[in-house]
Protein backbone atom coordinates (compact mmCIF):
# COMPACT_ATOMS: atom_id res chain seq x y z
CA MET A 1 126.51 61.59 75.00
CA ARG A 2 123.61 63.65 74.79
CA PRO A 3 123.76 66.55 77.59
CA ARG A 4 120.97 66.24 80.53
CA ARG A 5 117.86 68.33 79.89
CA ARG A 6 116.59 70.88 82.38
CA PRO A 7 113.76 69.81 84.67
CA VAL A 8 110.29 70.41 83.45
CA GLU A 9 108.85 72.30 85.78
CA HIS A 10 111.73 74.92 85.90
CA VAL A 11 111.15 76.20 82.01
CA ARG A 12 107.72 75.27 81.60
CA PRO A 13 105.54 78.96 81.14
CA SER A 14 102.91 79.71 83.23
CA ASN A 15 99.60 79.28 81.60
CA ARG A 16 99.07 83.09 81.07
CA ASP A 17 102.26 82.91 79.31
CA SER A 18 102.33 82.43 75.22
CA THR A 19 105.48 82.48 74.83
CA ARG A 20 107.04 79.22 73.06
CA ILE A 21 110.32 77.63 74.38
CA ASN A 22 112.18 74.53 73.99
CA ASP A 23 109.96 71.77 72.31
CA ALA A 24 106.81 74.05 72.56
CA ILE A 25 108.81 75.92 69.27
CA ARG A 26 107.63 74.28 66.11
CA VAL A 27 108.74 75.81 63.52
CA PRO A 28 111.47 73.84 61.45
CA ARG A 29 114.49 76.42 61.47
CA VAL A 30 115.09 79.81 64.09
CA ARG A 31 117.82 82.39 63.40
CA LEU A 32 119.43 81.67 66.93
CA ILE A 33 120.77 84.17 69.17
CA ASP A 34 123.47 83.00 72.09
CA SER A 35 123.25 84.04 75.72
CA ASP A 36 125.37 87.41 75.14
CA GLY A 37 123.47 88.77 72.11
CA GLY A 38 125.62 87.12 69.48
CA GLN A 39 124.55 86.03 65.96
CA LEU A 40 124.75 82.34 65.49
CA GLY A 41 122.96 82.05 62.05
CA ILE A 42 120.28 80.07 61.15
CA LYS A 43 119.70 76.76 62.17
CA THR A 44 117.29 73.65 62.51
CA THR A 45 115.18 74.14 65.60
CA ASP A 46 116.59 71.00 66.73
CA GLU A 47 120.18 72.58 66.03
CA ALA A 48 119.14 75.03 68.07
CA ARG A 49 117.95 73.17 70.99
CA GLU A 50 120.33 70.81 71.37
CA TYR A 51 122.74 74.03 71.88
CA ALA A 52 120.70 75.54 74.30
CA TYR A 53 120.70 72.18 76.60
CA GLY A 54 124.23 71.38 75.54
CA LYS A 55 124.64 74.89 78.32
CA ASN A 56 122.01 73.85 80.36
CA LEU A 57 119.53 76.46 79.24
CA ASP A 58 116.26 77.48 77.05
CA LEU A 59 115.92 77.93 73.72
CA VAL A 60 112.96 81.26 74.23
CA GLU A 61 111.12 82.06 70.79
CA VAL A 62 111.74 86.18 70.73
CA ALA A 63 110.19 87.26 67.40
CA ALA A 64 107.48 84.78 66.07
CA GLN A 65 106.37 86.84 63.05
CA ALA A 66 110.07 87.01 62.09
CA ASP A 67 110.79 84.89 59.17
CA PRO A 68 112.09 82.32 60.10
CA PRO A 69 111.87 83.18 64.00
CA VAL A 70 114.16 84.35 65.83
CA ALA A 71 115.19 82.48 68.84
CA LYS A 72 117.27 82.82 71.85
CA VAL A 73 119.34 81.27 74.23
CA MET A 74 118.57 82.36 77.98
CA ASP A 75 118.15 81.24 81.36
CA TYR A 76 114.10 81.56 81.20
CA GLY A 77 112.88 81.16 84.63
CA LYS A 78 115.22 83.66 85.74
CA TYR A 79 114.18 86.07 82.95
CA LYS A 80 110.68 85.97 83.62
CA TYR A 81 111.46 86.59 87.99
CA GLU A 82 113.54 89.61 86.71
CA GLN A 83 110.49 90.93 84.47
CA GLU A 84 108.37 90.15 87.16
CA GLN A 85 110.21 92.14 89.56
CA LYS A 86 110.51 95.22 87.36
CA ALA A 87 106.81 95.15 87.04
CA LYS A 88 106.08 95.13 90.56
CA GLN A 89 108.62 97.89 91.24
CA ALA A 90 106.90 99.91 88.61
CA ARG A 91 103.56 99.17 90.36
CA LYS A 92 104.81 100.39 93.28
CA HIS A 93 106.00 103.40 92.37
CA GLN A 94 102.88 104.17 89.95
CA SER A 95 100.98 107.17 91.46
CA GLN A 96 97.28 106.81 90.97
CA ILE A 97 96.00 110.29 90.22
CA GLN A 98 92.50 110.73 91.89
CA VAL A 99 90.28 113.54 90.22
CA LYS A 100 87.43 115.01 92.35
CA GLU A 101 84.45 117.58 90.97
CA ILE A 102 83.21 120.44 93.12
CA LYS A 103 80.41 122.25 91.27
CA PHE A 104 79.62 126.11 91.62
CA ARG A 105 76.62 128.68 91.24
CA PRO A 106 77.85 131.66 89.68
CA LYS A 107 75.38 133.31 92.55
CA ILE A 108 76.63 131.23 95.22
CA GLY A 109 76.23 132.71 98.99
CA VAL A 110 79.41 133.77 101.59
CA HIS A 111 78.35 130.20 103.75
CA ASP A 112 78.26 127.73 100.66
CA TYR A 113 81.40 129.04 99.10
CA ASN A 114 83.14 128.67 102.33
CA THR A 115 81.87 125.47 102.94
CA LYS A 116 82.58 124.44 98.94
CA LYS A 117 86.18 125.50 99.20
CA GLY A 118 86.92 123.86 102.48
CA HIS A 119 85.76 120.77 100.05
CA VAL A 120 88.63 121.71 97.19
CA GLU A 121 91.09 122.25 100.23
CA ARG A 122 90.56 119.06 101.92
CA PHE A 123 90.26 117.27 98.01
CA LEU A 124 93.83 118.94 97.56
CA ASN A 125 95.43 117.96 100.77
CA GLN A 126 94.89 114.38 99.77
CA ARG A 127 97.03 114.85 96.91
CA ALA A 128 94.25 114.47 94.45
CA LYS A 129 93.08 117.01 91.68
CA VAL A 130 90.00 118.72 91.51
CA LYS A 131 87.74 119.76 88.55
CA VAL A 132 85.98 123.21 89.46
CA THR A 133 82.84 123.62 87.41
CA ILE A 134 80.69 127.01 87.28
CA MET A 135 77.30 125.65 86.50
CA PHE A 136 75.32 128.47 84.99
CA ARG A 137 71.22 128.42 84.15
CA GLY A 138 69.24 130.66 82.12
CA ARG A 139 70.44 133.63 81.44
CA GLU A 140 73.23 133.40 83.72
CA THR A 141 75.01 131.95 80.27
CA THR A 142 75.14 135.76 78.99
CA HIS A 143 77.91 136.63 81.90
CA PRO A 144 80.51 134.07 81.50
CA GLU A 145 82.60 136.59 83.46
CA ARG A 146 81.00 136.07 86.72
CA GLY A 147 82.12 132.72 86.78
CA ARG A 148 85.35 133.24 85.48
CA ASP A 149 85.60 135.74 88.34
CA LEU A 150 84.91 132.98 90.85
CA LEU A 151 87.29 130.58 89.45
CA LEU A 152 90.06 132.44 90.21
CA ARG A 153 89.29 133.71 93.21
CA LEU A 154 89.04 130.53 94.54
CA ALA A 155 92.53 129.61 92.68
CA GLU A 156 93.97 132.72 94.35
CA GLU A 157 92.82 132.06 97.87
CA LEU A 158 93.99 128.36 97.81
CA LYS A 159 97.55 129.40 95.56
CA GLU A 160 99.53 127.82 98.53
CA ILE A 161 98.03 123.86 97.84
CA ALA A 162 96.33 124.43 94.79
CA GLN A 163 98.00 125.15 90.42
CA ILE A 164 95.97 125.81 88.12
CA GLU A 165 96.66 122.81 85.48
CA SER A 166 93.74 123.97 83.45
CA GLN A 167 92.25 127.75 82.98
CA PRO A 168 88.58 128.29 83.17
CA LEU A 169 87.29 126.92 79.25
CA LEU A 170 83.59 127.43 78.89
CA ASP A 171 81.90 124.11 77.80
CA GLY A 172 78.07 124.38 77.45
CA ARG A 173 76.57 125.96 80.29
CA ASN A 174 79.74 124.79 82.63
CA MET A 175 82.96 126.66 83.06
CA VAL A 176 85.53 124.08 84.10
CA MET A 177 88.98 124.91 85.90
CA LEU A 178 91.01 121.49 87.08
CA LEU A 179 93.45 122.05 89.96
CA GLY A 180 96.13 120.42 90.82
CA PRO A 181 97.99 120.23 94.39
CA THR A 182 100.98 122.20 94.90
CA LYS A 183 103.92 119.94 96.52
CA ASN A 184 102.59 122.12 100.27
CA ALA A 185 99.51 120.06 100.26
CA GLY A 186 99.37 118.21 102.90
CA VAL A 187 102.37 119.45 104.50
CA LYS A 188 100.52 121.42 107.29
CA ARG A 189 97.83 118.39 107.95
CA ASP A 190 101.16 116.32 108.33
CA ALA A 191 102.61 118.54 111.17
CA GLU A 192 99.39 118.67 113.03
CA ASP A 193 98.51 115.11 113.17
CA GLU A 194 102.40 114.77 114.12
CA GLU A 195 102.21 117.52 117.27
CA THR A 196 98.95 115.85 118.08
CA GLU A 197 100.97 112.43 118.62
CA LEU A 198 103.45 113.93 119.89
CA GLY A 199 100.86 115.38 122.64
CA GLU A 200 99.16 111.84 123.20
CA GLU A 201 102.59 110.51 123.95
CA ALA A 202 103.30 113.32 126.25
CA VAL A 203 99.68 112.57 127.78
CA GLN A 204 100.39 108.56 128.46
CA GLY A 205 104.01 109.32 129.82
CA ASP A 206 103.21 111.61 132.72
CA GLY A 207 100.36 108.94 133.50
CA ARG A 208 96.94 110.85 134.23
CA ARG A 209 96.01 114.11 134.00
CA GLN A 210 94.87 115.40 137.36
CA ASP A 211 91.34 116.12 137.77
CA PRO A 212 90.57 119.73 138.54
CA GLU A 213 88.44 119.38 140.99
CA GLU A 214 90.23 116.76 142.75
CA PRO A 215 91.84 118.55 146.28
CA ALA A 216 95.56 118.49 146.14
CA PRO A 217 97.66 116.16 148.09
CA PRO A 218 98.38 117.03 151.78
CA ASP A 219 101.62 118.92 152.49
CA ASP A 220 103.90 116.11 154.06
CA ALA A 221 105.21 118.88 155.86
CA ALA A 222 102.18 120.53 157.46
CA GLY A 223 101.33 118.85 160.59
CA ALA A 224 97.65 118.19 162.00
CA PRO A 225 95.78 121.20 163.38
CA GLY A 226 96.69 122.67 166.56
CA GLU A 227 100.41 120.90 166.35
CA GLU A 228 103.42 122.92 165.83
CA PRO A 229 105.93 122.33 163.30
CA ALA A 230 108.58 120.29 164.80
CA GLY A 231 111.50 122.71 163.94
CA GLU A 232 109.60 125.11 165.61
CA ALA A 233 109.11 122.78 168.55
CA GLU A 234 112.64 121.84 168.67
CA ALA A 235 113.83 125.70 168.07
CA ARG A 236 111.70 127.24 171.67
CA PRO A 237 113.95 127.57 174.60
CA ALA A 238 113.62 125.29 177.42
CA GLY A 239 111.86 127.71 179.55
CA HIS A 240 109.14 129.06 177.55
CA ALA A 241 107.84 125.42 176.99
CA GLY A 242 105.25 125.38 180.47
CA ARG A 243 103.47 128.79 179.52
CA ALA A 244 100.16 129.02 177.68
């Protein structure tokens, strides 16, 4: 009695999958590998299919260029699922590295330098690499050491969050240095954000902040103007009650 075929929808490959399985294998003979990796020798394709169907598994062509092609017995649906899960995990752990670029002039002013340095610091705290370029013009190319000194100065001032991945290198009229984030990059910003969140939670828990211009609530212990506190009235001797 011929074993029952597996449902077609469970073994049919997706449209993008070019792997040949079961009836899609047209070659007359295959080198058969068992589901546990054992070599079963060269079989006709029909024999190999019958063997796979007998185990309620699929016959999958794994090496089409071999002579004869190699086919393995496996659960193709389970195999595809495991491959998709591995690919998903790989994409999840893959970090996309961004490279930003900031351009300087060798005679940059103090204000512009500090502004661009702030941009570099922000990019590094975002865990991005920064390509710092010094642009030379005219006779400035005769003094490349000025650009190198500027780049090394920048790296030194940001050494807590930046590390030099590519030393300053002259490329035509430009000098380029690549900075990468250190393990401390972004740590300070995360701490400040957490402190801000804690402060906001404290304000919300207090209910509201009192307006400095709003008068303080009346003291319950103080009486109306001209009235004596109740405790003093009770403590005064009876003989003094009629006096003005």
